[in-house]
N, C-alpha and C. Protein backbone atom coordinates (compact mmCIF):
# COMPACT_ATOMS: atom_id res chain seq x y z
N UNK A 1 1.01 -0.89 -0.03
CA UNK A 1 -0.06 0.03 -0.01
C UNK A 1 0.74 0.91 0.03
N UNK A 2 0.38 2.30 -0.86
CA UNK A 2 1.47 3.35 -1.10
C UNK A 2 0.76 4.25 0.19
N UNK A 3 2.25 4.94 0.96
CA UNK A 3 1.62 6.02 1.68
C UNK A 3 1.55 7.45 1.58
N UNK A 4 0.79 7.87 1.58
CA UNK A 4 0.46 9.36 1.36
C UNK A 4 1.69 10.29 1.90
N UNK A 5 2.19 11.12 1.10
CA UNK A 5 3.24 12.00 1.55
C UNK A 5 2.59 12.67 2.74
N UNK A 6 3.90 13.13 4.09
CA UNK A 6 3.43 13.63 5.19
C UNK A 6 2.90 15.23 5.21
N UNK A 7 3.09 15.73 4.09
CA UNK A 7 2.49 16.92 3.86
C UNK A 7 0.52 16.74 3.70
N UNK A 8 0.48 15.73 3.11
CA UNK A 8 -0.98 15.22 2.65
C UNK A 8 -1.77 14.53 3.37
N UNK A 9 -0.98 13.95 4.80
CA UNK A 9 -1.79 13.64 5.70
C UNK A 9 -2.59 13.90 6.59
N UNK A 10 -2.21 15.58 6.99
CA UNK A 10 -3.57 16.01 7.65
C UNK A 10 -4.94 16.74 6.92
N UNK A 11 -4.51 17.38 5.71
CA UNK A 11 -5.62 17.31 4.84
C UNK A 11 -6.60 16.45 4.16
N UNK A 12 -5.89 15.16 4.16
CA UNK A 12 -6.39 13.99 3.85
C UNK A 12 -7.58 13.54 5.30
N UNK A 13 -6.65 13.77 6.51
CA UNK A 13 -7.33 13.30 7.39
C UNK A 13 -8.86 14.50 7.93
N UNK A 14 -8.79 15.38 7.38
CA UNK A 14 -9.60 16.89 7.81
C UNK A 14 -10.74 16.27 7.03
N UNK A 15 -10.37 15.81 5.49
CA UNK A 15 -11.53 15.22 4.60
C UNK A 15 -12.26 14.70 4.96
N UNK A 16 -11.66 13.36 5.39
CA UNK A 16 -12.22 12.08 6.06
C UNK A 16 -13.25 12.28 7.44
N UNK A 17 -12.54 13.39 7.99
CA UNK A 17 -13.47 13.68 9.19
C UNK A 17 -14.95 14.66 9.21
N UNK A 18 -14.70 15.11 8.07
CA UNK A 18 -15.85 16.17 7.41
C UNK A 18 -16.68 15.15 6.82
N UNK A 19 -16.19 14.21 5.55
CA UNK A 19 -17.20 13.39 5.31
C UNK A 19 -18.11 12.92 6.68
N UNK A 20 -17.27 12.04 7.25
CA UNK A 20 -17.74 11.28 8.12
C UNK A 20 -18.83 11.86 9.22
N UNK A 21 -18.54 13.36 9.41
CA UNK A 21 -19.74 14.31 10.00
C UNK A 21 -21.24 14.81 9.04
N UNK A 22 -20.79 14.22 7.74
CA UNK A 22 -21.70 14.77 6.97
C UNK A 22 -21.60 16.18 6.75
N UNK A 23 -20.44 16.65 6.84
CA UNK A 23 -20.26 18.40 6.40
C UNK A 23 -19.92 18.57 4.91
N UNK A 24 -20.10 17.51 4.12
CA UNK A 24 -19.55 18.26 2.76
C UNK A 24 -20.60 18.83 1.98
N UNK A 25 -20.44 19.85 1.57
CA UNK A 25 -21.63 21.11 0.92
C UNK A 25 -22.22 20.54 -0.22
N UNK A 26 -21.80 19.32 -0.93
CA UNK A 26 -22.37 18.82 -1.87
C UNK A 26 -23.15 17.56 -1.37
N UNK A 27 -23.42 17.45 -0.25
CA UNK A 27 -24.44 16.11 -0.19
C UNK A 27 -25.20 16.71 0.83
N UNK A 28 -26.28 15.96 0.26
CA UNK A 28 -27.58 16.63 1.23
C UNK A 28 -27.62 15.55 2.81
N UNK A 29 -28.21 15.95 3.36
CA UNK A 29 -28.32 15.39 4.81
C UNK A 29 -29.60 14.08 4.82
N UNK A 30 -30.48 14.80 4.15
CA UNK A 30 -31.53 13.99 3.96
C UNK A 30 -32.03 13.63 2.68
N UNK A 31 -32.59 12.76 2.32
CA UNK A 31 -33.14 12.67 0.90
C UNK A 31 -34.18 13.71 0.51
N UNK A 32 -33.79 14.30 -0.75
CA UNK A 32 -34.27 15.58 -1.56
C UNK A 32 -34.11 17.02 -0.51
N UNK A 33 -32.91 16.98 0.47
CA UNK A 33 -32.96 18.29 1.01
C UNK A 33 -32.93 19.16 0.07
N UNK A 34 -33.46 20.32 0.55
CA UNK A 34 -33.62 22.09 -0.38
C UNK A 34 -32.26 22.30 0.62
N UNK A 35 -31.36 22.57 0.04
CA UNK A 35 -29.95 23.64 0.63
C UNK A 35 -30.26 24.97 0.83
N UNK A 36 -29.40 25.63 1.81
CA UNK A 36 -29.30 27.08 2.04
C UNK A 36 -29.14 27.45 0.62
N UNK A 37 -29.86 28.80 0.44
CA UNK A 37 -30.23 29.43 -0.86
C UNK A 37 -30.89 29.12 -1.93
N UNK A 38 -31.45 27.82 -1.84
CA UNK A 38 -32.44 27.20 -3.01
C UNK A 38 -33.62 27.79 -2.47
N UNK A 39 -34.86 27.41 -3.45
CA UNK A 39 -36.16 27.43 -2.79
C UNK A 39 -36.93 26.45 -2.55
N UNK A 40 -37.75 26.43 -1.82
CA UNK A 40 -38.38 25.21 -1.22
C UNK A 40 -39.54 24.81 -2.18
N UNK A 41 -39.69 23.79 -2.54
CA UNK A 41 -40.74 23.21 -3.54
C UNK A 41 -42.17 23.14 -2.56
N UNK A 42 -42.95 23.18 -3.17
CA UNK A 42 -44.50 23.19 -2.46
C UNK A 42 -44.90 21.82 -1.98
N UNK A 43 -45.33 22.00 -0.97
CA UNK A 43 -45.93 20.46 -0.20
C UNK A 43 -47.28 20.82 0.57
N UNK A 44 -48.19 19.83 0.30
CA UNK A 44 -49.40 20.12 1.22
C UNK A 44 -49.16 19.88 2.68
N UNK A 45 -49.68 20.47 3.66
CA UNK A 45 -49.14 20.41 5.17
C UNK A 45 -50.58 20.16 5.63
N UNK A 46 -50.55 19.39 6.45
CA UNK A 46 -51.88 18.55 7.26
C UNK A 46 -51.84 19.39 8.77
N UNK A 47 -52.94 19.91 8.78
CA UNK A 47 -52.79 20.80 9.93
C UNK A 47 -53.08 20.18 11.36
N UNK A 48 -52.48 20.83 12.45
CA UNK A 48 -52.71 20.40 13.90
C UNK A 48 -53.70 21.77 14.26
N UNK A 49 -53.15 22.73 14.04
CA UNK A 49 -53.69 23.82 14.66
C UNK A 49 -53.77 24.86 13.42
N UNK A 50 -55.16 25.19 13.25
CA UNK A 50 -55.23 25.95 11.99
C UNK A 50 -55.72 25.04 10.79
N UNK A 51 -55.77 25.39 9.39
CA UNK A 51 -56.61 24.59 8.35
C UNK A 51 -55.10 24.36 7.53
N UNK A 52 -55.63 23.20 7.04
CA UNK A 52 -54.39 22.23 6.31
C UNK A 52 -54.03 23.32 4.98
N UNK A 53 -52.80 23.41 4.64
CA UNK A 53 -52.35 24.18 3.53
C UNK A 53 -51.10 23.93 2.74
N UNK A 54 -50.97 24.51 1.78
CA UNK A 54 -49.62 24.19 1.01
C UNK A 54 -48.87 25.32 1.53
N UNK A 55 -47.53 24.93 1.51
CA UNK A 55 -46.49 25.45 1.98
C UNK A 55 -46.38 26.65 1.16
N UNK A 56 -46.42 26.75 -0.39
CA UNK A 56 -46.57 28.19 -1.08
C UNK A 56 -47.37 28.69 -0.77
N UNK A 57 -48.70 28.87 0.07
CA UNK A 57 -49.41 29.87 0.61
C UNK A 57 -48.91 30.66 1.68
N UNK A 58 -47.26 30.21 1.94
CA UNK A 58 -46.82 31.05 2.62
C UNK A 58 -46.15 32.44 2.04
N UNK A 59 -46.09 32.09 0.71
CA UNK A 59 -45.20 33.18 0.19
C UNK A 59 -45.48 34.60 0.21
N UNK A 60 -44.77 35.43 0.07
CA UNK A 60 -44.71 36.87 -0.30
C UNK A 60 -44.57 37.45 1.63
N UNK A 61 -44.18 36.65 2.25
CA UNK A 61 -44.22 37.05 3.60
C UNK A 61 -42.95 36.07 4.33
N UNK A 62 -41.66 36.60 4.55
CA UNK A 62 -40.79 35.88 5.65
C UNK A 62 -41.31 34.77 6.25
N UNK A 63 -40.86 33.65 6.58
CA UNK A 63 -41.56 32.41 7.03
C UNK A 63 -39.93 31.94 8.17
N UNK A 64 -40.78 31.78 9.38
CA UNK A 64 -39.73 30.90 10.08
C UNK A 64 -40.61 29.77 10.28
N UNK A 65 -40.03 28.49 10.27
CA UNK A 65 -40.25 26.84 10.00
C UNK A 65 -39.66 26.49 11.18
N UNK A 66 -40.31 25.70 12.15
CA UNK A 66 -40.00 25.10 13.46
C UNK A 66 -40.34 23.65 13.30
N UNK A 67 -39.13 22.51 13.06
CA UNK A 67 -39.52 21.48 12.99
C UNK A 67 -39.12 20.30 14.31
N UNK A 68 -40.29 20.19 15.01
CA UNK A 68 -40.01 19.78 16.26
C UNK A 68 -40.70 18.29 16.26
N UNK A 69 -40.37 17.67 17.61
CA UNK A 69 -41.27 16.26 17.65
C UNK A 69 -41.86 16.41 19.49
N UNK A 70 -43.09 15.80 19.65
CA UNK A 70 -43.06 15.81 21.28
C UNK A 70 -42.46 15.43 22.28
N UNK A 71 -41.24 14.17 22.00
CA UNK A 71 -40.68 13.49 22.48
C UNK A 71 -39.53 14.42 22.56
N UNK A 72 -39.09 15.38 21.92
CA UNK A 72 -37.73 15.92 21.79
C UNK A 72 -37.60 16.91 22.93
N UNK A 73 -36.43 16.87 23.97
CA UNK A 73 -36.67 17.65 25.10
C UNK A 73 -36.19 19.16 24.61
N UNK A 74 -35.05 19.09 23.40
CA UNK A 74 -34.88 20.45 23.19
C UNK A 74 -35.74 21.15 22.52
N UNK A 75 -36.86 20.47 21.99
CA UNK A 75 -38.11 20.87 21.23
C UNK A 75 -38.83 21.54 22.46
N UNK A 76 -39.10 21.14 23.42
CA UNK A 76 -39.74 21.57 24.63
C UNK A 76 -39.10 22.64 24.88
N UNK A 77 -37.74 22.47 25.12
CA UNK A 77 -37.13 23.94 25.76
C UNK A 77 -37.14 25.44 25.20
N UNK A 78 -37.43 25.08 23.72
CA UNK A 78 -37.57 26.36 22.88
C UNK A 78 -39.02 27.01 22.76
N UNK A 79 -40.06 25.80 22.77
CA UNK A 79 -41.20 25.97 22.33
C UNK A 79 -41.92 27.48 22.73
N UNK A 80 -41.51 27.66 24.11
CA UNK A 80 -42.24 29.18 24.68
C UNK A 80 -41.52 29.98 24.10
N UNK A 81 -40.26 30.20 23.50
CA UNK A 81 -39.97 30.59 23.02
C UNK A 81 -40.17 31.38 21.55
N UNK A 82 -40.92 30.52 20.94
CA UNK A 82 -40.91 30.43 19.56
C UNK A 82 -42.42 30.91 19.76
N UNK A 83 -43.64 30.63 20.60
CA UNK A 83 -45.02 31.35 20.59
C UNK A 83 -44.53 32.82 21.00
N UNK A 84 -43.84 33.17 21.76
CA UNK A 84 -43.49 34.69 22.25
C UNK A 84 -43.00 35.67 21.01
N UNK A 85 -42.25 34.79 20.51
CA UNK A 85 -41.99 35.39 18.76
C UNK A 85 -43.25 35.42 17.61
N UNK A 86 -43.78 34.37 17.41
CA UNK A 86 -45.06 34.67 16.82
C UNK A 86 -46.23 35.60 17.55
N UNK A 87 -45.99 35.96 18.63
CA UNK A 87 -46.76 36.88 19.13
C UNK A 87 -46.57 38.06 18.67
N UNK A 88 -45.11 38.49 18.96
CA UNK A 88 -44.68 39.54 18.80
C UNK A 88 -44.67 39.97 17.55
N UNK A 89 -44.71 39.35 16.02
CA UNK A 89 -44.98 39.27 15.10
C UNK A 89 -46.48 39.66 14.35
N UNK A 90 -47.09 38.59 15.32
CA UNK A 90 -48.76 38.60 14.58
C UNK A 90 -48.81 38.10 13.32
N UNK A 91 -47.72 37.66 12.68
CA UNK A 91 -48.02 37.35 11.60
C UNK A 91 -47.65 38.36 10.32
N UNK A 92 -47.52 39.43 10.96
CA UNK A 92 -47.71 40.83 9.91
C UNK A 92 -46.13 40.76 9.06
N UNK A 93 -44.99 40.69 9.82
CA UNK A 93 -43.69 41.16 9.35
C UNK A 93 -43.17 39.54 8.94
N UNK A 94 -43.36 38.67 10.00
CA UNK A 94 -42.98 37.09 9.69
C UNK A 94 -43.98 36.29 10.13
N UNK A 95 -44.23 35.07 9.85
CA UNK A 95 -45.03 34.08 9.74
C UNK A 95 -44.16 32.86 10.74
N UNK A 96 -44.69 32.55 11.49
CA UNK A 96 -43.87 31.49 12.37
C UNK A 96 -44.92 30.17 12.20
N UNK A 97 -44.42 28.96 11.54
CA UNK A 97 -45.16 27.91 11.71
C UNK A 97 -44.04 26.51 12.26
N UNK A 98 -44.86 25.73 12.86
CA UNK A 98 -44.24 24.18 13.51
C UNK A 98 -44.72 23.27 12.37
N UNK A 99 -43.71 22.16 12.37
CA UNK A 99 -43.92 20.96 11.77
C UNK A 99 -43.56 19.91 12.49
N UNK A 100 -44.64 19.10 12.90
CA UNK A 100 -44.18 18.24 13.95
C UNK A 100 -43.78 16.89 13.07
N UNK A 101 -42.97 16.23 13.59
CA UNK A 101 -42.31 14.95 13.43
C UNK A 101 -42.96 13.39 13.50
N UNK A 102 -43.88 13.96 14.86
CA UNK A 102 -44.56 12.81 15.47
C UNK A 102 -45.22 11.89 14.38
N UNK A 103 -45.35 10.46 14.94
CA UNK A 103 -45.96 9.74 14.64
C UNK A 103 -47.51 9.84 14.64
N UNK A 104 -47.83 10.42 15.88
CA UNK A 104 -49.36 10.31 16.03
C UNK A 104 -49.68 11.79 16.64
N UNK A 105 -50.77 11.97 15.72
CA UNK A 105 -51.15 13.55 16.06
C UNK A 105 -51.76 13.73 17.51
N UNK A 106 -52.54 12.66 18.22
CA UNK A 106 -52.94 12.99 19.65
C UNK A 106 -51.81 13.19 20.57
N UNK A 107 -50.22 12.82 20.18
CA UNK A 107 -49.59 13.09 20.97
C UNK A 107 -48.68 14.76 20.63
N UNK A 108 -49.02 14.94 19.29
CA UNK A 108 -48.52 16.25 18.66
C UNK A 108 -49.63 17.40 19.50
N UNK A 109 -51.11 17.09 19.43
CA UNK A 109 -51.81 17.98 20.00
C UNK A 109 -51.75 18.25 21.44
N UNK A 110 -51.19 17.01 22.24
CA UNK A 110 -51.25 17.18 23.16
C UNK A 110 -49.83 17.74 23.82
N UNK A 111 -48.85 18.22 23.22
CA UNK A 111 -47.72 18.78 23.19
C UNK A 111 -48.12 19.90 22.97
N UNK A 112 -49.08 20.72 21.89
CA UNK A 112 -49.27 21.97 21.73
C UNK A 112 -50.24 22.63 22.51
N UNK A 113 -50.83 21.79 22.98
CA UNK A 113 -52.04 22.46 24.42
C UNK A 113 -51.18 22.62 25.34
N UNK A 114 -50.64 21.49 25.95
CA UNK A 114 -49.44 21.95 27.33
C UNK A 114 -48.74 23.11 27.17
N UNK A 115 -48.40 23.29 25.79
CA UNK A 115 -47.46 24.49 25.70
C UNK A 115 -48.33 25.78 25.42
N UNK A 116 -49.83 25.57 25.03
CA UNK A 116 -50.61 26.89 24.73
C UNK A 116 -50.20 27.39 23.64
N UNK A 117 -49.28 26.80 22.64
CA UNK A 117 -48.96 26.94 21.23
C UNK A 117 -50.54 27.23 20.29
N UNK A 118 -50.06 28.43 19.73
CA UNK A 118 -51.47 29.44 18.85
C UNK A 118 -50.99 29.58 17.55
N UNK A 119 -49.58 29.31 16.95
CA UNK A 119 -49.08 29.66 15.93
C UNK A 119 -49.27 28.26 15.22
N UNK A 120 -49.59 28.54 13.71
CA UNK A 120 -50.14 27.27 12.82
C UNK A 120 -49.04 26.18 12.95
N UNK A 121 -49.55 25.06 13.23
CA UNK A 121 -48.64 24.20 13.01
C UNK A 121 -49.34 22.56 12.39
N UNK A 122 -48.27 21.98 11.94
CA UNK A 122 -48.73 20.59 10.96
C UNK A 122 -47.78 19.26 11.27
N UNK A 123 -48.39 18.50 10.65
CA UNK A 123 -47.61 17.27 10.96
C UNK A 123 -47.58 16.61 9.59
N UNK A 124 -46.01 16.11 10.02
CA UNK A 124 -45.39 15.10 8.87
C UNK A 124 -45.38 13.56 8.87
N UNK A 125 -46.59 13.08 8.47
CA UNK A 125 -46.62 11.67 8.67
C UNK A 125 -45.62 10.94 7.56
N UNK A 126 -45.65 11.74 6.63
CA UNK A 126 -44.67 10.96 5.44
C UNK A 126 -43.48 11.28 4.89
N UNK A 127 -42.88 11.88 5.86
CA UNK A 127 -41.59 12.59 6.13
C UNK A 127 -41.02 13.55 4.99
N UNK A 128 -42.09 13.81 4.21
CA UNK A 128 -41.64 14.70 2.84
C UNK A 128 -41.41 16.06 3.40
N UNK A 129 -41.90 16.67 4.74
CA UNK A 129 -41.11 17.67 5.01
C UNK A 129 -40.19 17.91 5.86
N UNK A 130 -39.98 16.65 6.47
CA UNK A 130 -38.73 16.12 6.98
C UNK A 130 -37.56 16.64 6.31
N UNK A 131 -37.81 15.64 5.42
CA UNK A 131 -36.70 15.38 4.51
C UNK A 131 -36.23 16.35 3.44
N UNK A 132 -37.27 17.28 2.99
CA UNK A 132 -36.86 18.38 2.09
C UNK A 132 -36.40 19.53 3.35
N UNK A 133 -36.71 19.86 4.18
CA UNK A 133 -35.98 20.71 5.31
C UNK A 133 -34.65 20.53 5.77
N UNK A 134 -34.30 19.08 5.68
CA UNK A 134 -33.29 18.80 6.14
C UNK A 134 -32.92 18.30 7.54
N UNK A 135 -34.21 17.51 8.39
CA UNK A 135 -34.52 17.56 9.79
C UNK A 135 -33.63 16.22 9.95
N UNK A 136 -32.57 16.33 10.06
CA UNK A 136 -31.83 14.75 10.31
C UNK A 136 -31.62 14.88 12.09
N UNK A 137 -31.83 15.69 12.67
CA UNK A 137 -31.83 15.96 14.04
C UNK A 137 -32.93 17.28 14.27
N UNK A 138 -33.32 17.12 15.54
CA UNK A 138 -34.06 18.22 16.28
C UNK A 138 -33.87 18.82 16.88
N UNK A 139 -34.39 19.89 17.75
CA UNK A 139 -35.07 21.10 16.91
C UNK A 139 -34.43 21.57 15.43
N UNK A 140 -35.07 22.08 14.62
CA UNK A 140 -34.49 22.63 13.22
C UNK A 140 -35.28 23.68 13.06
N UNK A 141 -34.65 25.21 12.86
CA UNK A 141 -35.57 26.07 12.60
C UNK A 141 -34.54 26.35 11.53
N UNK A 142 -35.89 27.13 10.48
CA UNK A 142 -35.44 27.62 9.02
C UNK A 142 -35.95 29.07 8.53
N UNK A 143 -35.24 30.18 8.20
CA UNK A 143 -35.42 31.21 7.51
C UNK A 143 -35.53 31.33 6.07
N UNK A 144 -37.18 31.65 5.82
CA UNK A 144 -37.14 31.29 4.54
C UNK A 144 -37.81 32.82 4.19
N UNK A 145 -36.97 33.63 3.16
CA UNK A 145 -37.64 34.52 2.61
C UNK A 145 -38.91 34.93 2.01
N UNK A 146 -39.79 35.75 1.62
CA UNK A 146 -40.60 35.93 0.95
C UNK A 146 -41.02 35.35 -0.47
N UNK A 147 -39.68 34.71 -0.99
CA UNK A 147 -40.02 34.15 -2.51
C UNK A 147 -39.81 32.60 -2.27
N UNK A 148 -39.65 32.30 -0.43
CA UNK A 148 -39.61 30.62 -0.59
C UNK A 148 -37.82 30.10 -0.78
N UNK A 149 -37.00 30.94 -0.57
CA UNK A 149 -35.35 30.76 -0.69
C UNK A 149 -35.29 30.39 1.13
N UNK A 150 -34.50 29.51 1.23
CA UNK A 150 -33.97 29.06 2.45
C UNK A 150 -32.59 30.36 2.57
N UNK A 151 -32.82 30.77 3.85
CA UNK A 151 -31.77 31.79 4.07
C UNK A 151 -30.79 31.20 4.94
N UNK A 152 -31.67 30.28 6.02
CA UNK A 152 -30.77 29.86 7.12
C UNK A 152 -31.38 28.25 7.97
N UNK A 153 -30.38 27.58 8.21
CA UNK A 153 -30.96 26.53 9.01
C UNK A 153 -30.08 26.33 10.28
N UNK A 154 -31.14 26.08 11.52
CA UNK A 154 -30.84 26.16 12.67
C UNK A 154 -30.82 25.12 13.35
N UNK A 155 -29.93 24.41 13.90
CA UNK A 155 -29.81 23.01 14.43
C UNK A 155 -29.92 23.03 16.14
N UNK A 156 -30.72 22.59 17.08
CA UNK A 156 -30.56 22.82 18.42
C UNK A 156 -31.58 23.84 19.24
N UNK A 157 -31.56 23.53 19.94
CA UNK A 157 -32.84 24.91 20.62
C UNK A 157 -31.90 25.91 20.94
N UNK A 158 -32.96 27.22 20.96
CA UNK A 158 -32.39 28.50 21.03
C UNK A 158 -33.54 29.39 21.71
N UNK A 159 -33.32 29.98 22.18
CA UNK A 159 -34.52 31.44 22.62
C UNK A 159 -34.74 32.14 21.18
N UNK A 160 -35.94 31.96 20.59
CA UNK A 160 -35.80 32.91 19.62
C UNK A 160 -36.47 33.71 19.87
N UNK A 161 -36.98 34.30 20.94
CA UNK A 161 -37.43 35.92 21.30
C UNK A 161 -36.34 36.63 21.90
N UNK A 162 -35.07 35.85 22.23
CA UNK A 162 -34.14 36.85 22.88
C UNK A 162 -33.53 38.06 21.79
N UNK A 163 -32.75 38.82 22.40
CA UNK A 163 -32.37 40.08 21.39
C UNK A 163 -31.54 39.53 20.45
N UNK A 164 -30.47 38.52 20.57
CA UNK A 164 -29.77 38.06 19.49
C UNK A 164 -30.32 37.27 18.37
N UNK A 165 -31.62 36.39 18.72
CA UNK A 165 -31.94 35.96 17.62
C UNK A 165 -33.01 36.67 16.84
N UNK A 166 -33.68 37.96 17.58
CA UNK A 166 -34.63 38.61 16.95
C UNK A 166 -33.48 39.56 15.91
N UNK A 167 -32.38 39.90 16.07
CA UNK A 167 -31.43 40.63 15.28
C UNK A 167 -31.22 39.70 14.27
N UNK A 168 -31.12 38.15 14.57
CA UNK A 168 -30.90 37.47 13.59
C UNK A 168 -32.12 37.39 12.42
N UNK A 169 -33.41 37.43 12.73
CA UNK A 169 -34.23 37.86 12.12
C UNK A 169 -34.48 38.90 11.36
N UNK A 170 -34.36 40.27 12.06
CA UNK A 170 -34.52 41.20 11.31
C UNK A 170 -33.44 41.46 10.33
N UNK A 171 -32.21 41.21 10.44
CA UNK A 171 -30.87 40.96 9.76
C UNK A 171 -31.30 40.04 8.50
N UNK A 172 -31.74 38.94 8.89
CA UNK A 172 -31.68 38.12 7.73
C UNK A 172 -33.14 38.37 6.89
N UNK A 173 -34.14 38.96 7.38
CA UNK A 173 -35.48 39.54 6.52
C UNK A 173 -35.26 40.74 5.93
N UNK A 174 -34.22 41.49 6.77
CA UNK A 174 -34.59 43.17 6.48
C UNK A 174 -35.50 43.71 6.87
N UNK A 175 -35.75 43.43 7.99
CA UNK A 175 -36.90 43.86 8.58
C UNK A 175 -36.41 45.39 9.55
N UNK A 176 -37.51 46.23 10.14
CA UNK A 176 -36.97 47.39 10.85
C UNK A 176 -37.33 46.77 12.13
N UNK A 177 -36.70 47.38 13.39
CA UNK A 177 -36.71 46.48 14.42
C UNK A 177 -38.39 47.75 15.10
């Protein structure tokens, strides 16, 4: 077996680590994932709160999409801040929606009731949205512009109504405070 020259070993090791972690920008994390900078495809969404709608119905206004599950601890941690953020914007400047990856509608509904969530939420039985959005782990929050282009993907729990998060949102969507 031929050895790599010592100069190339660190670079080769870095490439192996990045590929192992799934950090290659050319590779989608989930089947059919829409990358940052691309436009989301339309999809029918089955309502948990509010009427069932198509994803394209939310065009013409910036959209914050949160992908969650009732069994996910970090999802529970951030849900209150998402509700406060949704109330802050009231759907006028930014629309907040949630996508549950739960297998059972009743569990997702109990979760929403327990946290007194009022913003629109949908359930993704067929994994279509989960895969398209890139939700290989939860929670996942996407910032999507008024034309449906993905501006950012944020994995893990955050305080979405914190000053830092509000600044990220206003800067991403070019909103006035």
